[in-house]
Amino acid sequence: MKRAIIVVLDSVGMGELPDAEKYGDKGSNTLGNIAAQIKDFSLPNMQELGLGNIDNMEGIKKVDNPKGCFGRMAERSAGKDTTTGHWEISGIVVEKPFPVYPNGFPKEIIDAFEKAVNRKTIGNIVASGTEIIKMLGDEHVKTGYPIVYTSADSVFQIAAHEEVISIEELYDMCAKAREILRGEHAVGRVIARPFIGSSGNYTRTSRRRDFSLEPLAKTVLDYAKEQGMDVRAVGKIEDIFAKRGITHAVHTKDNNDGVDKTLEYLKDDFEGILFTNLVEFDMVYGHRNDVEGYAKALMEFDRRLPEIIKTMKDDDILFITADHGCDPTTESTDHSREHVPLLVYGKGIKQNINLGTRSSFCDVGATIADYLGLTGELQGKSFLNEIR
């Protein structure tokens, strides 16, 4: 009973791509720069699989005989968005970047949204999620107007206090925004950003929800589901793929909860794909430039990695990777255009195989399709023969 397990360490990049300067990301190296700044930073369990042996890896020690296969991947798609990265892992290259709005959304979009939700809005600026609720939280509570904002990423974000606008109504607002944001304004994601608290002490809650576009073509998830296999999604995977190609899904409140839910699914008997996103690296630490917090979160995942390995069945293959970078050591608080690490482990695959630099994240999806015997068109090149 074959299973592929993908764990995406959201935003854990490992060094700029050749075109990083075009994106304003020259010098970004999420893992390497964290390692350079944090004393006693160590990821022994990922190092044992070969993390430090990856070509051009900085700040992570090599081991003599890695127990896994290792490499790095370059993003072929245009952009550095969460949706783009995950879609590419699953076999799709996005040729045209999703639109961004450095000056806020045009009047016709805001007017259409206000008409759809029957409320005025406030904000419509580029801001971080924590700063926008400090800035406009009181006005929102007083007026009941939802806060609309964006970032350097292709997102339309709606922040609302849970006692002013209910979670259900906030999700409904996001669904309506998703319908409006099509065509030339088809942003990658509409995101619900609920918060709680009182003036001067507002905090975001874990009930965030992403409303993504549907994938532009069939993914390895679609093919697995169509061909009778399970596709189990942990964290925001269900949202990123607009529920397409998913048979079971569970949302999570933090990284540890994501590992817990992954372990629960691993204990079941099923054939197919388990796809997990651990979002805290990006959402809580990367975007807030919290270098120490990011390092602690990485070490915490590393401590829990043996639990995943111990729970794996004989025919399971584990893929650990990322979707983009978000270097907390740079001035930018946004995603960074970086290579991502790739670790592959399973009881039935070879050890100490250097997979080099893959030309696309799609190679993961192609390898999984190859392993599971799926038929269908995907981009990317399978490396199954190199590891089996």
Protein backbone atom coordinates (compact mmCIF):
# COMPACT_ATOMS: atom_id res chain seq x y z
CA MET A 1 0.00 0.00 0.00
CA LYS A 2 1.98 2.95 -1.33
CA ARG A 3 1.78 6.42 0.20
CA ALA A 4 3.56 9.69 -0.52
CA ILE A 5 3.87 12.15 2.37
CA ILE A 6 4.65 15.77 1.52
CA VAL A 7 5.52 18.12 4.38
CA VAL A 8 5.88 21.74 3.31
CA LEU A 9 7.85 23.86 5.76
CA ASP A 10 6.16 27.06 4.65
CA SER A 11 8.75 29.67 3.57
CA VAL A 12 11.90 27.71 4.53
CA GLY A 13 14.03 28.72 1.55
CA MET A 14 17.78 28.13 1.24
CA GLY A 15 19.26 30.81 -0.97
CA GLU A 16 18.37 33.23 -3.75
CA LEU A 17 17.36 32.08 -7.21
CA PRO A 18 19.25 33.51 -10.21
CA ASP A 19 16.41 35.98 -10.86
CA ALA A 20 16.00 37.04 -7.20
CA GLU A 21 17.19 40.58 -7.89
CA LYS A 22 14.21 41.10 -10.21
CA TYR A 23 11.96 40.40 -7.22
CA GLY A 24 13.94 42.59 -4.81
CA ASP A 25 15.32 39.54 -3.01
CA LYS A 26 19.04 39.61 -3.69
CA GLY A 27 20.87 38.22 -0.65
CA SER A 28 17.86 36.35 0.74
CA ASN A 29 18.71 32.99 2.29
CA THR A 30 16.15 32.01 4.91
CA LEU A 31 17.93 28.98 6.39
CA GLY A 32 21.47 30.19 5.89
CA ASN A 33 20.92 33.66 7.34
CA ILE A 34 19.04 32.29 10.36
CA ALA A 35 21.90 29.85 11.01
CA ALA A 36 24.40 32.71 10.80
CA GLN A 37 22.57 34.80 13.41
CA ILE A 38 21.41 32.22 15.95
CA LYS A 39 23.91 30.65 18.33
CA ASP A 40 23.54 26.90 18.89
CA PHE A 41 21.15 26.57 15.93
CA SER A 42 20.97 22.89 15.08
CA LEU A 43 18.63 20.61 13.14
CA PRO A 44 20.16 17.18 13.85
CA ASN A 45 17.34 15.02 12.54
CA MET A 46 17.04 16.81 9.21
CA GLN A 47 20.84 16.88 9.04
CA GLU A 48 20.79 13.09 9.44
CA LEU A 49 18.63 12.92 6.32
CA GLY A 50 21.09 15.12 4.42
CA LEU A 51 19.97 18.73 4.96
CA GLY A 52 23.54 20.00 5.35
CA ASN A 53 24.73 17.97 2.36
CA ILE A 54 22.52 19.84 -0.12
CA ASP A 55 24.52 21.75 -2.74
CA ASN A 56 25.17 25.36 -1.66
CA MET A 57 23.57 24.87 1.75
CA GLU A 58 24.94 27.44 4.19
CA GLY A 59 25.15 27.18 7.98
CA ILE A 60 24.01 23.56 8.30
CA LYS A 61 26.62 20.88 8.99
CA LYS A 62 27.11 17.96 6.64
CA VAL A 63 27.02 14.35 7.85
CA ASP A 64 29.13 11.52 6.45
CA ASN A 65 26.37 9.10 5.47
CA PRO A 66 22.95 10.74 5.18
CA LYS A 67 20.01 8.38 5.68
CA GLY A 68 17.96 10.11 3.03
CA CYS A 69 18.19 11.58 -0.45
CA PHE A 70 18.73 15.32 -0.66
CA GLY A 71 18.74 18.20 -3.11
CA ARG A 72 17.39 21.65 -3.76
CA MET A 73 14.72 22.89 -6.15
CA ALA A 74 14.39 26.03 -8.26
CA GLU A 75 10.97 27.54 -8.91
CA ARG A 76 10.05 27.67 -12.60
CA SER A 77 6.82 29.53 -12.05
CA ALA A 78 6.62 33.30 -12.11
CA GLY A 79 6.29 34.77 -8.63
CA LYS A 80 6.97 33.70 -5.06
CA ASP A 81 3.48 33.11 -3.75
CA THR A 82 2.20 30.31 -1.51
CA THR A 83 -0.34 29.20 -4.10
CA THR A 84 2.21 29.23 -6.90
CA GLY A 85 4.72 27.20 -4.87
CA HIS A 86 2.25 24.53 -3.79
CA TRP A 87 0.75 24.21 -7.26
CA GLU A 88 4.21 23.73 -8.70
CA ILE A 89 5.00 21.01 -6.14
CA SER A 90 1.86 19.26 -7.38
CA GLY A 91 2.81 19.51 -11.06
CA ILE A 92 1.73 22.91 -12.43
CA VAL A 93 3.98 25.73 -13.66
CA VAL A 94 2.34 29.16 -13.44
CA GLU A 95 3.68 31.16 -16.38
CA LYS A 96 2.10 34.52 -15.52
CA PRO A 97 2.42 35.92 -11.98
CA PHE A 98 -0.74 36.66 -10.03
CA PRO A 99 -1.54 40.41 -9.85
CA VAL A 100 -0.30 42.51 -6.94
CA TYR A 101 -1.56 45.87 -5.71
CA PRO A 102 1.19 48.05 -4.19
CA ASN A 103 -1.18 51.04 -4.21
CA GLY A 104 -4.28 49.21 -2.99
CA PHE A 105 -7.14 47.81 -5.03
CA PRO A 106 -8.82 49.87 -7.77
CA LYS A 107 -12.09 51.63 -7.00
CA GLU A 108 -14.17 49.26 -9.13
CA ILE A 109 -13.05 46.28 -7.04
CA ILE A 110 -13.74 47.98 -3.69
CA ASP A 111 -17.10 49.29 -4.93
CA ALA A 112 -18.15 45.84 -6.11
CA PHE A 113 -17.06 44.26 -2.83
CA GLU A 114 -18.88 46.85 -0.69
CA LYS A 115 -22.04 46.30 -2.72
CA ALA A 116 -21.75 42.52 -2.37
CA VAL A 117 -21.32 42.59 1.43
CA ASN A 118 -23.60 45.62 1.99
CA ARG A 119 -20.99 47.40 4.11
CA LYS A 120 -18.41 50.11 3.64
CA THR A 121 -14.75 49.11 4.05
CA ILE A 122 -11.69 50.72 5.58
CA GLY A 123 -8.01 50.31 4.80
CA ASN A 124 -7.26 49.28 1.22
CA ILE A 125 -3.52 49.69 1.76
CA VAL A 126 -0.42 47.52 1.84
CA ALA A 127 0.27 46.54 5.46
CA SER A 128 1.28 43.71 7.75
CA GLY A 129 -1.55 41.87 9.46
CA THR A 130 -0.47 42.81 12.96
CA GLU A 131 0.04 46.49 12.12
CA ILE A 132 -3.25 46.93 10.28
CA ILE A 133 -5.33 45.82 13.27
CA LYS A 134 -3.33 48.14 15.54
CA MET A 135 -3.94 50.98 13.09
CA LEU A 136 -7.59 50.38 12.21
CA GLY A 137 -8.92 47.96 14.84
CA ASP A 138 -10.67 50.65 16.88
CA GLU A 139 -12.33 52.18 13.83
CA HIS A 140 -13.47 48.73 12.71
CA VAL A 141 -15.00 47.95 16.11
CA LYS A 142 -16.75 51.34 16.17
CA THR A 143 -18.14 51.23 12.61
CA GLY A 144 -18.43 47.52 11.84
CA TYR A 145 -16.63 48.13 8.54
CA PRO A 146 -14.31 45.24 7.53
CA ILE A 147 -10.62 46.06 7.06
CA VAL A 148 -9.35 45.34 3.55
CA TYR A 149 -5.59 45.23 2.93
CA THR A 150 -2.93 43.55 0.84
CA SER A 151 0.83 42.92 0.83
CA ALA A 152 3.62 42.39 -1.68
CA ASP A 153 1.96 39.03 -2.36
CA SER A 154 -1.10 38.50 -4.52
CA VAL A 155 -3.67 38.61 -1.73
CA PHE A 156 -6.93 40.35 -0.85
CA GLN A 157 -7.13 40.17 2.94
CA ILE A 158 -10.13 40.93 5.12
CA ALA A 159 -9.61 41.49 8.84
CA ALA A 160 -12.54 41.53 11.24
CA HIS A 161 -13.06 41.26 14.99
CA GLU A 162 -14.87 38.03 15.80
CA GLU A 163 -17.34 39.87 18.08
CA VAL A 164 -18.13 42.46 15.39
CA ILE A 165 -18.33 40.24 12.31
CA SER A 166 -18.90 36.55 12.96
CA ILE A 167 -16.54 33.95 11.52
CA GLU A 168 -19.31 32.65 9.27
CA GLU A 169 -20.02 36.13 7.91
CA LEU A 170 -16.31 36.82 7.41
CA TYR A 171 -15.93 33.60 5.43
CA ASP A 172 -18.98 34.56 3.38
CA MET A 173 -17.44 37.96 2.64
CA CYS A 174 -14.28 36.21 1.46
CA ALA A 175 -16.28 33.90 -0.79
CA LYS A 176 -17.97 36.95 -2.35
CA ALA A 177 -14.62 38.68 -2.83
CA ARG A 178 -13.29 35.53 -4.49
CA GLU A 179 -16.11 35.69 -7.04
CA ILE A 180 -15.32 39.34 -7.78
CA LEU A 181 -11.56 38.83 -8.09
CA ARG A 182 -11.46 37.07 -11.46
CA GLY A 183 -9.88 37.77 -14.83
CA GLU A 184 -7.23 40.49 -14.70
CA HIS A 185 -7.81 40.84 -10.95
CA ALA A 186 -7.54 37.13 -10.15
CA VAL A 187 -5.37 37.35 -7.03
CA GLY A 188 -3.84 34.13 -5.79
CA ARG A 189 -5.72 34.17 -2.50
CA VAL A 190 -8.48 35.92 -0.61
CA ILE A 191 -7.70 35.51 3.09
CA ALA A 192 -9.97 35.79 6.13
CA ARG A 193 -8.01 37.35 9.02
CA PRO A 194 -10.14 37.20 12.20
CA PHE A 195 -8.92 38.82 15.41
CA ILE A 196 -10.04 39.30 19.01
CA GLY A 197 -9.19 41.53 21.98
CA SER A 198 -9.66 45.16 22.93
CA SER A 199 -8.11 48.49 21.99
CA GLY A 200 -4.33 48.32 22.20
CA ASN A 201 -4.44 44.55 22.64
CA TYR A 202 -5.82 43.05 19.43
CA THR A 203 -4.51 39.59 18.45
CA ARG A 204 -5.20 37.44 15.41
CA THR A 205 -6.83 34.06 15.94
CA SER A 206 -6.12 30.67 14.38
CA ARG A 207 -9.36 30.71 12.35
CA ARG A 208 -7.70 32.21 9.30
CA ARG A 209 -9.05 30.78 6.05
CA ASP A 210 -7.63 31.05 2.52
CA PHE A 211 -9.87 31.20 -0.56
CA SER A 212 -7.63 30.33 -3.51
CA LEU A 213 -8.21 30.15 -7.22
CA GLU A 214 -8.80 26.67 -8.56
CA PRO A 215 -5.61 25.15 -10.00
CA LEU A 216 -5.10 26.04 -13.66
CA ALA A 217 -4.68 22.39 -14.70
CA LYS A 218 -4.95 18.96 -13.14
CA THR A 219 -2.48 18.23 -10.35
CA VAL A 220 -1.10 14.99 -8.94
CA LEU A 221 -3.82 15.35 -6.29
CA ASP A 222 -6.56 15.32 -8.95
CA TYR A 223 -5.10 12.22 -10.60
CA ALA A 224 -4.75 10.37 -7.31
CA LYS A 225 -8.35 11.09 -6.34
CA GLU A 226 -9.71 10.24 -9.81
CA GLN A 227 -7.86 6.92 -9.74
CA GLY A 228 -9.38 5.84 -6.45
CA MET A 229 -6.72 6.88 -3.95
CA ASP A 230 -7.00 8.99 -0.82
CA VAL A 231 -5.64 12.53 -0.77
CA ARG A 232 -5.45 13.76 2.81
CA ALA A 233 -4.75 17.44 3.45
CA VAL A 234 -3.42 18.94 6.68
CA GLY A 235 -3.41 22.68 7.39
CA LYS A 236 -4.21 25.12 4.59
CA ILE A 237 -3.63 22.61 1.77
CA GLU A 238 -7.39 22.26 1.22
CA ASP A 239 -7.66 26.04 0.82
CA ILE A 240 -4.65 26.37 -1.50
CA PHE A 241 -6.17 23.85 -3.91
CA ALA A 242 -9.73 25.21 -3.53
CA LYS A 243 -10.70 21.75 -2.18
CA ARG A 244 -9.92 20.15 -5.54
CA GLY A 245 -8.31 16.73 -5.56
CA ILE A 246 -8.84 16.34 -1.79
CA THR A 247 -10.68 13.41 -0.17
CA HIS A 248 -10.07 14.23 3.52
CA ALA A 249 -9.00 17.52 5.12
CA VAL A 250 -8.28 18.96 8.54
CA HIS A 251 -7.25 22.48 9.48
CA THR A 252 -4.70 23.26 12.16
CA LYS A 253 -3.96 25.95 14.74
CA ASP A 254 -0.15 25.82 14.69
CA ASN A 255 2.85 23.75 13.58
CA ASN A 256 2.66 21.26 16.42
CA ASP A 257 -1.02 20.70 15.74
CA GLY A 258 -0.07 20.15 12.09
CA VAL A 259 2.42 17.45 13.09
CA ASP A 260 -0.18 15.89 15.40
CA LYS A 261 -2.79 15.76 12.63
CA THR A 262 -0.20 14.34 10.21
CA LEU A 263 0.59 11.56 12.67
CA GLU A 264 -3.11 10.78 13.10
CA TYR A 265 -3.55 10.37 9.34
CA LEU A 266 -0.35 8.31 9.09
CA LYS A 267 -1.73 5.77 11.57
CA ASP A 268 -4.67 5.04 9.24
CA ASP A 269 -4.48 2.48 6.46
CA PHE A 270 -4.89 4.17 3.08
CA GLU A 271 -3.17 4.42 -0.26
CA GLY A 272 -2.37 7.76 -1.86
CA ILE A 273 -1.06 11.15 -0.74
CA LEU A 274 -0.79 12.95 2.59
CA PHE A 275 -0.03 16.65 2.05
CA THR A 276 0.81 18.86 5.07
CA ASN A 277 1.55 22.57 5.29
CA LEU A 278 3.19 23.96 8.44
CA VAL A 279 2.39 27.64 8.17
CA GLU A 280 3.84 29.17 11.34
CA PHE A 281 7.34 29.53 9.88
CA ASP A 282 5.90 31.98 7.36
CA MET A 283 2.89 33.54 9.05
CA VAL A 284 4.16 33.99 12.60
CA TYR A 285 7.92 34.37 12.18
CA GLY A 286 8.96 35.13 8.59
CA HIS A 287 6.53 37.98 7.93
CA ARG A 288 7.33 39.49 11.34
CA ASN A 289 11.10 39.24 10.90
CA ASP A 290 11.31 37.21 14.11
CA VAL A 291 14.65 35.47 13.58
CA GLU A 292 14.79 33.85 17.01
CA GLY A 293 11.20 32.63 16.83
CA TYR A 294 11.78 31.21 13.33
CA ALA A 295 14.88 29.34 14.56
CA LYS A 296 13.01 27.89 17.57
CA ALA A 297 10.14 26.76 15.32
CA LEU A 298 12.58 24.98 13.00
CA MET A 299 14.27 23.23 15.91
CA GLU A 300 10.88 22.23 17.32
CA PHE A 301 9.86 20.63 14.02
CA ASP A 302 13.22 18.88 13.86
CA ARG A 303 12.65 17.44 17.34
CA ARG A 304 9.32 16.03 16.18
CA LEU A 305 10.55 14.63 12.87
CA PRO A 306 11.47 11.23 14.41
CA GLU A 307 7.81 10.80 15.38
CA ILE A 308 6.83 11.07 11.72
CA ILE A 309 9.59 8.68 10.62
CA LYS A 310 8.68 6.15 13.32
CA THR A 311 5.01 6.19 12.25
CA MET A 312 5.76 5.68 8.54
CA LYS A 313 4.89 2.31 7.01
CA ASP A 314 7.34 0.25 4.95
CA ASP A 315 6.14 1.58 1.56
CA ASP A 316 5.83 5.23 2.58
CA ILE A 317 8.03 7.91 1.02
CA LEU A 318 8.45 11.22 2.84
CA PHE A 319 9.20 14.46 0.97
CA ILE A 320 10.18 17.48 3.08
CA THR A 321 10.41 20.76 1.17
CA ALA A 322 9.16 24.38 1.05
CA ASP A 323 7.13 26.63 -1.22
CA HIS A 324 9.27 29.82 -1.27
CA GLY A 325 11.43 31.80 1.16
CA CYS A 326 10.63 34.46 3.75
CA ASP A 327 13.99 35.54 5.14
CA PRO A 328 13.41 37.11 8.57
CA THR A 329 16.88 38.66 8.62
CA THR A 330 16.25 41.10 5.75
CA GLU A 331 14.42 44.43 5.83
CA SER A 332 11.58 42.97 3.78
CA THR A 333 8.70 41.29 5.59
CA ASP A 334 7.50 39.55 2.44
CA HIS A 335 8.21 36.28 0.66
CA SER A 336 11.59 35.87 -1.00
CA ARG A 337 12.49 34.26 -4.32
CA GLU A 338 14.67 31.34 -3.20
CA HIS A 339 15.67 27.77 -3.87
CA VAL A 340 13.96 25.35 -1.50
CA PRO A 341 15.48 22.29 0.19
CA LEU A 342 14.34 18.76 -0.65
CA LEU A 343 14.73 15.79 1.67
CA VAL A 344 13.39 12.36 0.68
CA TYR A 345 13.24 9.39 3.03
CA GLY A 346 11.69 5.95 3.09
CA LYS A 347 12.55 2.45 4.28
CA GLY A 348 12.52 1.23 0.69
CA ILE A 349 14.64 3.92 -0.95
CA LYS A 350 18.36 4.49 -1.25
CA GLN A 351 20.43 6.51 1.20
CA ASN A 352 22.97 9.27 0.57
CA ILE A 353 21.79 10.19 -2.93
CA ASN A 354 22.45 13.77 -4.02
CA LEU A 355 19.57 14.84 -6.25
CA GLY A 356 21.42 18.04 -7.16
CA THR A 357 19.50 21.15 -8.18
CA ARG A 358 16.12 20.30 -9.66
CA SER A 359 14.90 22.70 -12.33
CA SER A 360 11.34 22.77 -10.97
CA PHE A 361 9.31 22.01 -7.85
CA CYS A 362 7.20 19.91 -10.27
CA ASP A 363 9.74 17.10 -9.95
CA VAL A 364 8.14 16.18 -6.62
CA GLY A 365 4.69 15.76 -8.17
CA ALA A 366 6.13 13.84 -11.13
CA THR A 367 8.01 11.48 -8.79
CA ILE A 368 4.91 10.86 -6.69
CA ALA A 369 2.82 10.14 -9.78
CA ASP A 370 5.51 7.73 -10.95
CA TYR A 371 5.64 5.99 -7.57
CA LEU A 372 1.87 5.64 -7.22
CA GLY A 373 1.44 4.52 -10.82
CA LEU A 374 -0.81 7.43 -11.74
CA THR A 375 -1.62 8.25 -15.34
CA GLY A 376 -2.05 11.86 -16.45
CA GLU A 377 -0.13 14.87 -17.72
CA LEU A 378 2.10 16.70 -15.25
CA GLN A 379 5.09 18.95 -15.69
CA GLY A 380 8.40 18.02 -14.08
CA LYS A 381 10.85 15.14 -14.22
CA SER A 382 10.53 12.12 -11.95
CA PHE A 383 13.62 11.18 -9.92
CA LEU A 384 12.12 7.88 -8.75
CA ASN A 385 14.75 5.80 -10.58
CA GLU A 386 17.51 7.72 -8.81
CA ILE A 387 16.21 6.94 -5.32
CA ARG A 388 14.66 3.47 -5.63
